[in-house]
Amino acid sequence: MPTALVTGATSGIGNAFARRLAAEGFDLVIVARDAERLTALAERLSARHGIHVEVLPADLTDAGQLATVEKRVGSTDQPVELLVNNAGFGTSGTFWDTPAEKFQTQLDLNVAAVLRLTHAAVRVMRERGRGDVVNVSSVAGFFAVSGSTYAASKAWVTAFSEGLAVPLTGTGVRIMALCPGFTRTEFHERAGLSMSGMPKAFWLDTHTVVHEALADLRAGRTVSIPGIQYKALVAVGRLIPRSLQRRIVTRAAPDRT
């Protein structure tokens, strides 16, 4: 059976990836900070689908623990066929009122961990001549003029994935940036963001996000934007000059960065 490694597997999009891939017959390596939740998920997926699930508790913002996951991703004895870099987090509040250490942690997880794990995966995947990497980005990355550090980090993830896909053409290794919009997960609650005013039409569910992501990956796309509403939003946004985007953002939230 092929093996997939999923970070941030205990909740949200990562959890949906783990469940979907288990149903497809993948063995799994699931990574998150909460060992208890990981173990419970592993037991459920193993019992339901008859697959092997390896539990790998790790805080990817810790250099030593990240190195352990890197080593597993780059294993040639137990190769990972699909890497899903899902772990990440956002913040609330203004840039100047938030401790710099929090932004550094965000950068370590949203950017550095994605870079390091993708690097470990691609090196061995190229040698085997096959393998896939899905880097979970965000629609927010297309609108980094908002001043959000989260949006900026996701803009990097998308650009990195698109750029890396070019030299890997023809190697059998595929890289894709998954850019969902607002998705019903624990993400916003953990970030301290109130989303009560968001129209229902803009919410996605995790199953839809993962279904469209895997379909796009297998179709050879380098960027996946689930949901017709978000495809339209990004298409329109690309037509609006950044100077105008900045004016719109300033008027909508003049006291925020």
C-alpha atoms as a PDB file:
ATOM      1  CA  MET A   1       0.000   0.000   0.000  1.00  0.00           C
ATOM      2  CA  PRO A   2       1.224   3.565  -0.643  1.00  0.00           C
ATOM      3  CA  THR A   3       1.929   5.748   2.372  1.00  0.00           C
ATOM      4  CA  ALA A   4       0.759   9.330   2.931  1.00  0.00           C
ATOM      5  CA  LEU A   5       2.083  11.654   5.630  1.00  0.00           C
ATOM      6  CA  VAL A   6      -0.317  14.345   6.840  1.00  0.00           C
ATOM      7  CA  THR A   7       0.630  17.165   9.206  1.00  0.00           C
ATOM      8  CA  GLY A   8      -2.005  18.807  11.384  1.00  0.00           C
ATOM      9  CA  ALA A   9      -3.988  15.583  11.089  1.00  0.00           C
ATOM     10  CA  THR A  10      -6.126  15.801  14.224  1.00  0.00           C
ATOM     11  CA  SER A  11      -8.568  18.431  13.014  1.00  0.00           C
ATOM     12  CA  GLY A  12      -9.948  20.364  10.072  1.00  0.00           C
ATOM     13  CA  ILE A  13      -8.587  19.861   6.574  1.00  0.00           C
ATOM     14  CA  GLY A  14      -5.747  17.646   7.793  1.00  0.00           C
ATOM     15  CA  ASN A  15      -8.204  15.323   9.506  1.00  0.00           C
ATOM     16  CA  ALA A  16     -10.344  15.186   6.354  1.00  0.00           C
ATOM     17  CA  PHE A  17      -7.264  14.300   4.282  1.00  0.00           C
ATOM     18  CA  ALA A  18      -6.361  11.501   6.701  1.00  0.00           C
ATOM     19  CA  ARG A  19      -9.866  10.031   6.595  1.00  0.00           C
ATOM     20  CA  ARG A  20     -10.168  10.300   2.808  1.00  0.00           C
ATOM     21  CA  LEU A  21      -6.752   8.784   2.134  1.00  0.00           C
ATOM     22  CA  ALA A  22      -7.403   5.976   4.612  1.00  0.00           C
ATOM     23  CA  ALA A  23     -10.642   5.197   2.770  1.00  0.00           C
ATOM     24  CA  GLU A  24      -8.651   5.056  -0.481  1.00  0.00           C
ATOM     25  CA  GLY A  25      -6.311   2.446   1.013  1.00  0.00           C
ATOM     26  CA  PHE A  26      -3.285   4.562   1.913  1.00  0.00           C
ATOM     27  CA  ASP A  27      -1.237   3.655   4.939  1.00  0.00           C
ATOM     28  CA  LEU A  28      -0.732   6.807   6.982  1.00  0.00           C
ATOM     29  CA  VAL A  29       1.787   8.697   9.027  1.00  0.00           C
ATOM     30  CA  ILE A  30      -0.159  11.297  10.995  1.00  0.00           C
ATOM     31  CA  VAL A  31       1.569  14.258  12.618  1.00  0.00           C
ATOM     32  CA  ALA A  32       0.297  16.770  15.188  1.00  0.00           C
ATOM     33  CA  ARG A  33       1.166  18.030  18.661  1.00  0.00           C
ATOM     34  CA  ASP A  34      -1.602  16.181  20.521  1.00  0.00           C
ATOM     35  CA  ALA A  35      -0.458  12.583  20.952  1.00  0.00           C
ATOM     36  CA  GLU A  36      -3.728  11.488  22.567  1.00  0.00           C
ATOM     37  CA  ARG A  37      -5.867  12.749  19.681  1.00  0.00           C
ATOM     38  CA  LEU A  38      -3.444  11.252  17.169  1.00  0.00           C
ATOM     39  CA  THR A  39      -3.635   7.839  18.806  1.00  0.00           C
ATOM     40  CA  ALA A  40      -7.431   7.914  18.916  1.00  0.00           C
ATOM     41  CA  LEU A  41      -7.574   8.858  15.229  1.00  0.00           C
ATOM     42  CA  ALA A  42      -5.102   6.126  14.319  1.00  0.00           C
ATOM     43  CA  GLU A  43      -7.154   3.492  16.118  1.00  0.00           C
ATOM     44  CA  ARG A  44     -10.371   4.579  14.366  1.00  0.00           C
ATOM     45  CA  LEU A  45      -8.846   4.619  10.907  1.00  0.00           C
ATOM     46  CA  SER A  46      -7.041   1.307  11.360  1.00  0.00           C
ATOM     47  CA  ALA A  47     -10.170  -0.424  12.622  1.00  0.00           C
ATOM     48  CA  ARG A  48     -12.395   0.987   9.897  1.00  0.00           C
ATOM     49  CA  HIS A  49     -10.141   0.620   6.864  1.00  0.00           C
ATOM     50  CA  GLY A  50      -7.644  -2.100   7.802  1.00  0.00           C
ATOM     51  CA  ILE A  51      -4.640   0.132   7.144  1.00  0.00           C
ATOM     52  CA  HIS A  52      -1.447   0.773   9.076  1.00  0.00           C
ATOM     53  CA  VAL A  53      -1.330   4.152  10.798  1.00  0.00           C
ATOM     54  CA  GLU A  54       1.914   5.444  12.276  1.00  0.00           C
ATOM     55  CA  VAL A  55       1.530   8.069  14.990  1.00  0.00           C
ATOM     56  CA  LEU A  56       4.206  10.758  15.017  1.00  0.00           C
ATOM     57  CA  PRO A  57       3.565  13.457  17.661  1.00  0.00           C
ATOM     58  CA  ALA A  58       5.556  16.588  16.891  1.00  0.00           C
ATOM     59  CA  ASP A  59       5.547  20.350  17.250  1.00  0.00           C
ATOM     60  CA  LEU A  60       6.862  21.485  13.874  1.00  0.00           C
ATOM     61  CA  THR A  61       8.000  24.823  15.295  1.00  0.00           C
ATOM     62  CA  ASP A  62      10.562  22.956  17.395  1.00  0.00           C
ATOM     63  CA  ALA A  63      13.771  22.336  15.418  1.00  0.00           C
ATOM     64  CA  GLY A  64      14.442  18.914  16.913  1.00  0.00           C
ATOM     65  CA  GLN A  65      10.910  17.625  16.443  1.00  0.00           C
ATOM     66  CA  LEU A  66      10.781  19.006  12.896  1.00  0.00           C
ATOM     67  CA  ALA A  67      14.022  17.143  12.142  1.00  0.00           C
ATOM     68  CA  THR A  68      12.386  13.899  13.302  1.00  0.00           C
ATOM     69  CA  VAL A  69       9.497  14.388  10.879  1.00  0.00           C
ATOM     70  CA  GLU A  70      11.941  15.378   8.099  1.00  0.00           C
ATOM     71  CA  LYS A  71      13.778  12.115   8.631  1.00  0.00           C
ATOM     72  CA  ARG A  72      10.542  10.156   8.320  1.00  0.00           C
ATOM     73  CA  VAL A  73       9.493  12.038   5.182  1.00  0.00           C
ATOM     74  CA  GLY A  74      12.874  11.361   3.605  1.00  0.00           C
ATOM     75  CA  SER A  75      13.011   7.666   4.492  1.00  0.00           C
ATOM     76  CA  THR A  76      13.965   5.402   1.607  1.00  0.00           C
ATOM     77  CA  ASP A  77      13.100   2.208   3.513  1.00  0.00           C
ATOM     78  CA  GLN A  78       9.514   3.348   4.201  1.00  0.00           C
ATOM     79  CA  PRO A  79       8.865   5.844   1.411  1.00  0.00           C
ATOM     80  CA  VAL A  80       6.165   8.483   1.610  1.00  0.00           C
ATOM     81  CA  GLU A  81       4.228   8.640  -1.676  1.00  0.00           C
ATOM     82  CA  LEU A  82       2.100  11.643  -0.713  1.00  0.00           C
ATOM     83  CA  LEU A  83       3.005  14.475   1.651  1.00  0.00           C
ATOM     84  CA  VAL A  84       0.263  16.823   2.836  1.00  0.00           C
ATOM     85  CA  ASN A  85       1.734  19.913   4.504  1.00  0.00           C
ATOM     86  CA  ASN A  86      -1.394  21.086   6.288  1.00  0.00           C
ATOM     87  CA  ALA A  87      -0.247  22.349   9.700  1.00  0.00           C
ATOM     88  CA  GLY A  88      -0.482  26.114  10.102  1.00  0.00           C
ATOM     89  CA  PHE A  89      -2.139  28.876  12.109  1.00  0.00           C
ATOM     90  CA  GLY A  90      -3.365  32.462  11.918  1.00  0.00           C
ATOM     91  CA  THR A  91      -3.416  35.327  14.393  1.00  0.00           C
ATOM     92  CA  SER A  92      -5.810  38.089  15.400  1.00  0.00           C
ATOM     93  CA  GLY A  93      -5.121  41.667  16.388  1.00  0.00           C
ATOM     94  CA  THR A  94      -2.940  44.368  14.875  1.00  0.00           C
ATOM     95  CA  PHE A  95       0.643  43.752  13.811  1.00  0.00           C
ATOM     96  CA  TRP A  96       2.080  46.265  16.284  1.00  0.00           C
ATOM     97  CA  ASP A  97       0.107  44.952  19.267  1.00  0.00           C
ATOM     98  CA  THR A  98       1.069  41.290  18.716  1.00  0.00           C
ATOM     99  CA  PRO A  99       4.341  39.940  20.176  1.00  0.00           C
ATOM    100  CA  ALA A 100       7.010  39.383  17.530  1.00  0.00           C
ATOM    101  CA  GLU A 101       7.603  35.912  18.971  1.00  0.00           C
ATOM    102  CA  LYS A 102       4.114  34.868  17.895  1.00  0.00           C
ATOM    103  CA  PHE A 103       4.805  35.926  14.324  1.00  0.00           C
ATOM    104  CA  GLN A 104       8.105  34.067  14.392  1.00  0.00           C
ATOM    105  CA  THR A 105       6.303  30.909  15.480  1.00  0.00           C
ATOM    106  CA  GLN A 106       3.786  31.426  12.684  1.00  0.00           C
ATOM    107  CA  LEU A 107       6.612  31.830  10.192  1.00  0.00           C
ATOM    108  CA  ASP A 108       8.325  28.699  11.500  1.00  0.00           C
ATOM    109  CA  LEU A 109       5.173  26.629  10.999  1.00  0.00           C
ATOM    110  CA  ASN A 110       3.535  28.162   7.928  1.00  0.00           C
ATOM    111  CA  VAL A 111       6.728  28.657   5.942  1.00  0.00           C
ATOM    112  CA  ALA A 112       9.857  26.994   7.338  1.00  0.00           C
ATOM    113  CA  ALA A 113       8.236  23.625   8.091  1.00  0.00           C
ATOM    114  CA  VAL A 114       6.656  23.534   4.618  1.00  0.00           C
ATOM    115  CA  LEU A 115      10.047  24.274   3.051  1.00  0.00           C
ATOM    116  CA  ARG A 116      11.922  21.684   5.066  1.00  0.00           C
ATOM    117  CA  LEU A 117       9.408  18.856   4.679  1.00  0.00           C
ATOM    118  CA  THR A 118       8.908  19.523   0.972  1.00  0.00           C
ATOM    119  CA  HIS A 119      12.675  19.478   0.500  1.00  0.00           C
ATOM    120  CA  ALA A 120      12.989  16.155   2.312  1.00  0.00           C
ATOM    121  CA  ALA A 121      10.154  14.655   0.265  1.00  0.00           C
ATOM    122  CA  VAL A 122      11.250  15.884  -3.157  1.00  0.00           C
ATOM    123  CA  ARG A 123      14.802  14.567  -2.798  1.00  0.00           C
ATOM    124  CA  VAL A 124      13.660  10.965  -2.404  1.00  0.00           C
ATOM    125  CA  MET A 125      10.636  11.253  -4.685  1.00  0.00           C
ATOM    126  CA  ARG A 126      12.828  12.367  -7.598  1.00  0.00           C
ATOM    127  CA  GLU A 127      15.046   9.350  -7.095  1.00  0.00           C
ATOM    128  CA  ARG A 128      12.028   7.025  -7.184  1.00  0.00           C
ATOM    129  CA  GLY A 129      10.497   8.873 -10.111  1.00  0.00           C
ATOM    130  CA  ARG A 130       7.142   9.430  -8.432  1.00  0.00           C
ATOM    131  CA  GLY A 131       5.436  11.181  -5.540  1.00  0.00           C
ATOM    132  CA  ASP A 132       3.083  14.013  -4.685  1.00  0.00           C
ATOM    133  CA  VAL A 133       3.233  17.009  -2.338  1.00  0.00           C
ATOM    134  CA  VAL A 134       0.176  19.050  -1.396  1.00  0.00           C
ATOM    135  CA  ASN A 135       1.009  22.292   0.384  1.00  0.00           C
ATOM    136  CA  VAL A 136      -2.084  23.727   2.044  1.00  0.00           C
ATOM    137  CA  SER A 137      -2.118  27.449   1.332  1.00  0.00           C
ATOM    138  CA  SER A 138      -5.137  29.785   1.317  1.00  0.00           C
ATOM    139  CA  VAL A 139      -7.181  32.097  -0.882  1.00  0.00           C
ATOM    140  CA  ALA A 140      -5.927  34.783   1.519  1.00  0.00           C
ATOM    141  CA  GLY A 141      -2.522  34.428  -0.140  1.00  0.00           C
ATOM    142  CA  PHE A 142      -3.895  36.026  -3.302  1.00  0.00           C
ATOM    143  CA  PHE A 143      -4.807  39.120  -1.280  1.00  0.00           C
ATOM    144  CA  ALA A 144      -1.668  39.739   0.753  1.00  0.00           C
ATOM    145  CA  VAL A 145      -2.222  43.517   0.457  1.00  0.00           C
ATOM    146  CA  SER A 146      -4.465  43.121   3.506  1.00  0.00           C
ATOM    147  CA  GLY A 147      -1.307  43.328   5.615  1.00  0.00           C
ATOM    148  CA  SER A 148      -2.073  40.021   7.312  1.00  0.00           C
ATOM    149  CA  THR A 149       1.022  38.023   8.233  1.00  0.00           C
ATOM    150  CA  TYR A 150      -1.035  34.871   7.652  1.00  0.00           C
ATOM    151  CA  ALA A 151      -1.898  35.997   4.108  1.00  0.00           C
ATOM    152  CA  ALA A 152       1.754  36.846   3.487  1.00  0.00           C
ATOM    153  CA  SER A 153       2.877  33.415   4.653  1.00  0.00           C
ATOM    154  CA  LYS A 154       0.315  31.725   2.423  1.00  0.00           C
ATOM    155  CA  ALA A 155       1.312  33.875  -0.549  1.00  0.00           C
ATOM    156  CA  TRP A 156       4.773  32.394  -0.074  1.00  0.00           C
ATOM    157  CA  VAL A 157       3.404  28.836   0.072  1.00  0.00           C
ATOM    158  CA  THR A 158       1.520  29.291  -3.202  1.00  0.00           C
ATOM    159  CA  ALA A 159       4.446  30.952  -4.999  1.00  0.00           C
ATOM    160  CA  PHE A 160       6.884  28.341  -3.679  1.00  0.00           C
ATOM    161  CA  SER A 161       4.692  25.440  -4.799  1.00  0.00           C
ATOM    162  CA  GLU A 162       3.991  26.886  -8.244  1.00  0.00           C
ATOM    163  CA  GLY A 163       7.647  27.685  -8.788  1.00  0.00           C
ATOM    164  CA  LEU A 164       8.904  24.293  -7.647  1.00  0.00           C
ATOM    165  CA  ALA A 165       6.421  22.487  -9.903  1.00  0.00           C
ATOM    166  CA  VAL A 166       8.192  23.878 -12.988  1.00  0.00           C
ATOM    167  CA  PRO A 167      11.631  22.216 -12.625  1.00  0.00           C
ATOM    168  CA  LEU A 168       9.933  18.994 -11.484  1.00  0.00           C
ATOM    169  CA  THR A 169       7.966  18.678 -14.744  1.00  0.00           C
ATOM    170  CA  GLY A 170       8.627  15.276 -16.268  1.00  0.00           C
ATOM    171  CA  THR A 171      10.180  13.789 -13.118  1.00  0.00           C
ATOM    172  CA  GLY A 172       7.023  12.032 -11.930  1.00  0.00           C
ATOM    173  CA  VAL A 173       6.872  14.313  -8.881  1.00  0.00           C
ATOM    174  CA  ARG A 174       3.905  16.663  -8.562  1.00  0.00           C
ATOM    175  CA  ILE A 175       3.638  19.720  -6.320  1.00  0.00           C
ATOM    176  CA  MET A 176       0.332  21.487  -5.739  1.00  0.00           C
ATOM    177  CA  ALA A 177      -0.769  24.446  -3.633  1.00  0.00           C
ATOM    178  CA  LEU A 178      -4.232  23.961  -2.154  1.00  0.00           C
ATOM    179  CA  CYS A 179      -5.895  27.352  -1.619  1.00  0.00           C
ATOM    180  CA  PRO A 180      -9.211  26.994   0.216  1.00  0.00           C
ATOM    181  CA  GLY A 181     -11.368  29.887   1.341  1.00  0.00           C
ATOM    182  CA  PHE A 182     -13.291  29.962   4.621  1.00  0.00           C
ATOM    183  CA  THR A 183     -13.663  26.355   5.759  1.00  0.00           C
ATOM    184  CA  ARG A 184     -15.524  25.048   8.794  1.00  0.00           C
ATOM    185  CA  THR A 185     -12.665  23.948  11.062  1.00  0.00           C
ATOM    186  CA  GLU A 186     -11.138  24.909  14.426  1.00  0.00           C
ATOM    187  CA  PHE A 187      -8.824  27.363  12.653  1.00  0.00           C
ATOM    188  CA  HIS A 188     -10.694  30.622  13.282  1.00  0.00           C
ATOM    189  CA  GLU A 189     -11.534  29.797  16.889  1.00  0.00           C
ATOM    190  CA  ARG A 190      -7.882  29.014  17.634  1.00  0.00           C
ATOM    191  CA  ALA A 191      -6.821  32.273  15.995  1.00  0.00           C
ATOM    192  CA  GLY A 192      -9.338  34.216  18.090  1.00  0.00           C
ATOM    193  CA  LEU A 193     -11.260  35.391  15.032  1.00  0.00           C
ATOM    194  CA  SER A 194     -15.015  35.969  15.117  1.00  0.00           C
ATOM    195  CA  MET A 195     -16.626  34.792  11.876  1.00  0.00           C
ATOM    196  CA  SER A 196     -20.289  35.209  12.835  1.00  0.00           C
ATOM    197  CA  GLY A 197     -20.889  37.774  10.109  1.00  0.00           C
ATOM    198  CA  MET A 198     -19.568  35.645   7.252  1.00  0.00           C
ATOM    199  CA  PRO A 199     -22.345  34.727   4.742  1.00  0.00           C
ATOM    200  CA  LYS A 200     -23.132  31.009   4.568  1.00  0.00           C
ATOM    201  CA  ALA A 201     -22.418  30.976   0.830  1.00  0.00           C
ATOM    202  CA  PHE A 202     -18.727  31.529   1.520  1.00  0.00           C
ATOM    203  CA  TRP A 203     -18.265  28.582   3.858  1.00  0.00           C
ATOM    204  CA  LEU A 204     -16.775  25.324   2.589  1.00  0.00           C
ATOM    205  CA  ASP A 205     -16.749  21.960   4.336  1.00  0.00           C
ATOM    206  CA  THR A 206     -13.564  19.953   4.711  1.00  0.00           C
ATOM    207  CA  HIS A 207     -14.834  17.013   2.662  1.00  0.00           C
ATOM    208  CA  THR A 208     -15.443  19.262  -0.355  1.00  0.00           C
ATOM    209  CA  VAL A 209     -12.023  20.862   0.001  1.00  0.00           C
ATOM    210  CA  VAL A 210     -10.226  17.516   0.097  1.00  0.00           C
ATOM    211  CA  HIS A 211     -12.305  15.996  -2.704  1.00  0.00           C
ATOM    212  CA  GLU A 212     -11.561  18.894  -5.046  1.00  0.00           C
ATOM    213  CA  ALA A 213      -7.914  19.002  -3.991  1.00  0.00           C
ATOM    214  CA  LEU A 214      -7.271  15.362  -4.815  1.00  0.00           C
ATOM    215  CA  ALA A 215      -9.154  15.663  -8.107  1.00  0.00           C
ATOM    216  CA  ASP A 216      -7.021  18.682  -9.055  1.00  0.00           C
ATOM    217  CA  LEU A 217      -3.800  16.960  -7.986  1.00  0.00           C
ATOM    218  CA  ARG A 218      -4.580  13.926 -10.114  1.00  0.00           C
ATOM    219  CA  ALA A 219      -5.497  16.176 -13.027  1.00  0.00           C
ATOM    220  CA  GLY A 220      -2.023  17.690 -12.875  1.00  0.00           C
ATOM    221  CA  ARG A 221      -2.961  21.149 -11.608  1.00  0.00           C
ATOM    222  CA  THR A 222      -0.386  23.118  -9.627  1.00  0.00           C
ATOM    223  CA  VAL A 223      -2.953  25.286  -7.819  1.00  0.00           C
ATOM    224  CA  SER A 224      -6.298  24.087  -6.467  1.00  0.00           C
ATOM    225  CA  ILE A 225      -8.990  26.588  -5.450  1.00  0.00           C
ATOM    226  CA  PRO A 226     -12.013  24.670  -4.126  1.00  0.00           C
ATOM    227  CA  GLY A 227     -15.465  26.182  -4.592  1.00  0.00           C
ATOM    228  CA  ILE A 228     -16.814  28.097  -7.556  1.00  0.00           C
ATOM    229  CA  GLN A 229     -17.282  31.206  -5.398  1.00  0.00           C
ATOM    230  CA  TYR A 230     -13.571  31.304  -4.593  1.00  0.00           C
ATOM    231  CA  LYS A 231     -12.491  30.544  -8.139  1.00  0.00           C
ATOM    232  CA  ALA A 232     -14.538  33.587  -9.187  1.00  0.00           C
ATOM    233  CA  LEU A 233     -13.159  35.726  -6.332  1.00  0.00           C
ATOM    234  CA  VAL A 234      -9.552  34.971  -7.249  1.00  0.00           C
ATOM    235  CA  ALA A 235     -10.215  35.505 -10.959  1.00  0.00           C
ATOM    236  CA  VAL A 236     -11.751  38.924 -10.289  1.00  0.00           C
ATOM    237  CA  GLY A 237      -9.044  39.799  -7.776  1.00  0.00           C
ATOM    238  CA  ARG A 238      -6.346  39.221 -10.382  1.00  0.00           C
ATOM    239  CA  LEU A 239      -7.970  41.874 -12.551  1.00  0.00           C
ATOM    240  CA  ILE A 240      -7.982  44.523  -9.820  1.00  0.00           C
ATOM    241  CA  PRO A 241      -4.759  46.570  -9.543  1.00  0.00           C
ATOM    242  CA  ARG A 242      -2.979  46.171  -6.217  1.00  0.00           C
ATOM    243  CA  SER A 243      -3.218  49.911  -5.616  1.00  0.00           C
ATOM    244  CA  LEU A 244      -7.009  49.639  -5.744  1.00  0.00           C
ATOM    245  CA  GLN A 245      -6.957  46.525  -3.565  1.00  0.00           C
ATOM    246  CA  ARG A 246      -4.993  48.484  -0.959  1.00  0.00           C
ATOM    247  CA  ARG A 247      -7.506  51.335  -1.000  1.00  0.00           C
ATOM    248  CA  ILE A 248     -10.400  48.895  -0.562  1.00  0.00           C
ATOM    249  CA  VAL A 249      -8.675  47.179   2.366  1.00  0.00           C
ATOM    250  CA  THR A 250      -7.826  50.518   4.005  1.00  0.00           C
ATOM    251  CA  ARG A 251     -11.417  51.716   3.840  1.00  0.00           C
ATOM    252  CA  ALA A 252     -12.783  48.394   5.116  1.00  0.00           C
ATOM    253  CA  ALA A 253     -10.418  48.159   8.079  1.00  0.00           C
ATOM    254  CA  PRO A 254      -8.502  51.416   8.607  1.00  0.00           C
ATOM    255  CA  ASP A 255      -7.297  50.497  12.097  1.00  0.00           C
ATOM    256  CA  ARG A 256      -5.772  47.166  11.155  1.00  0.00           C
ATOM    257  CA  THR A 257      -2.730  46.016   9.237  1.00  0.00           C
END
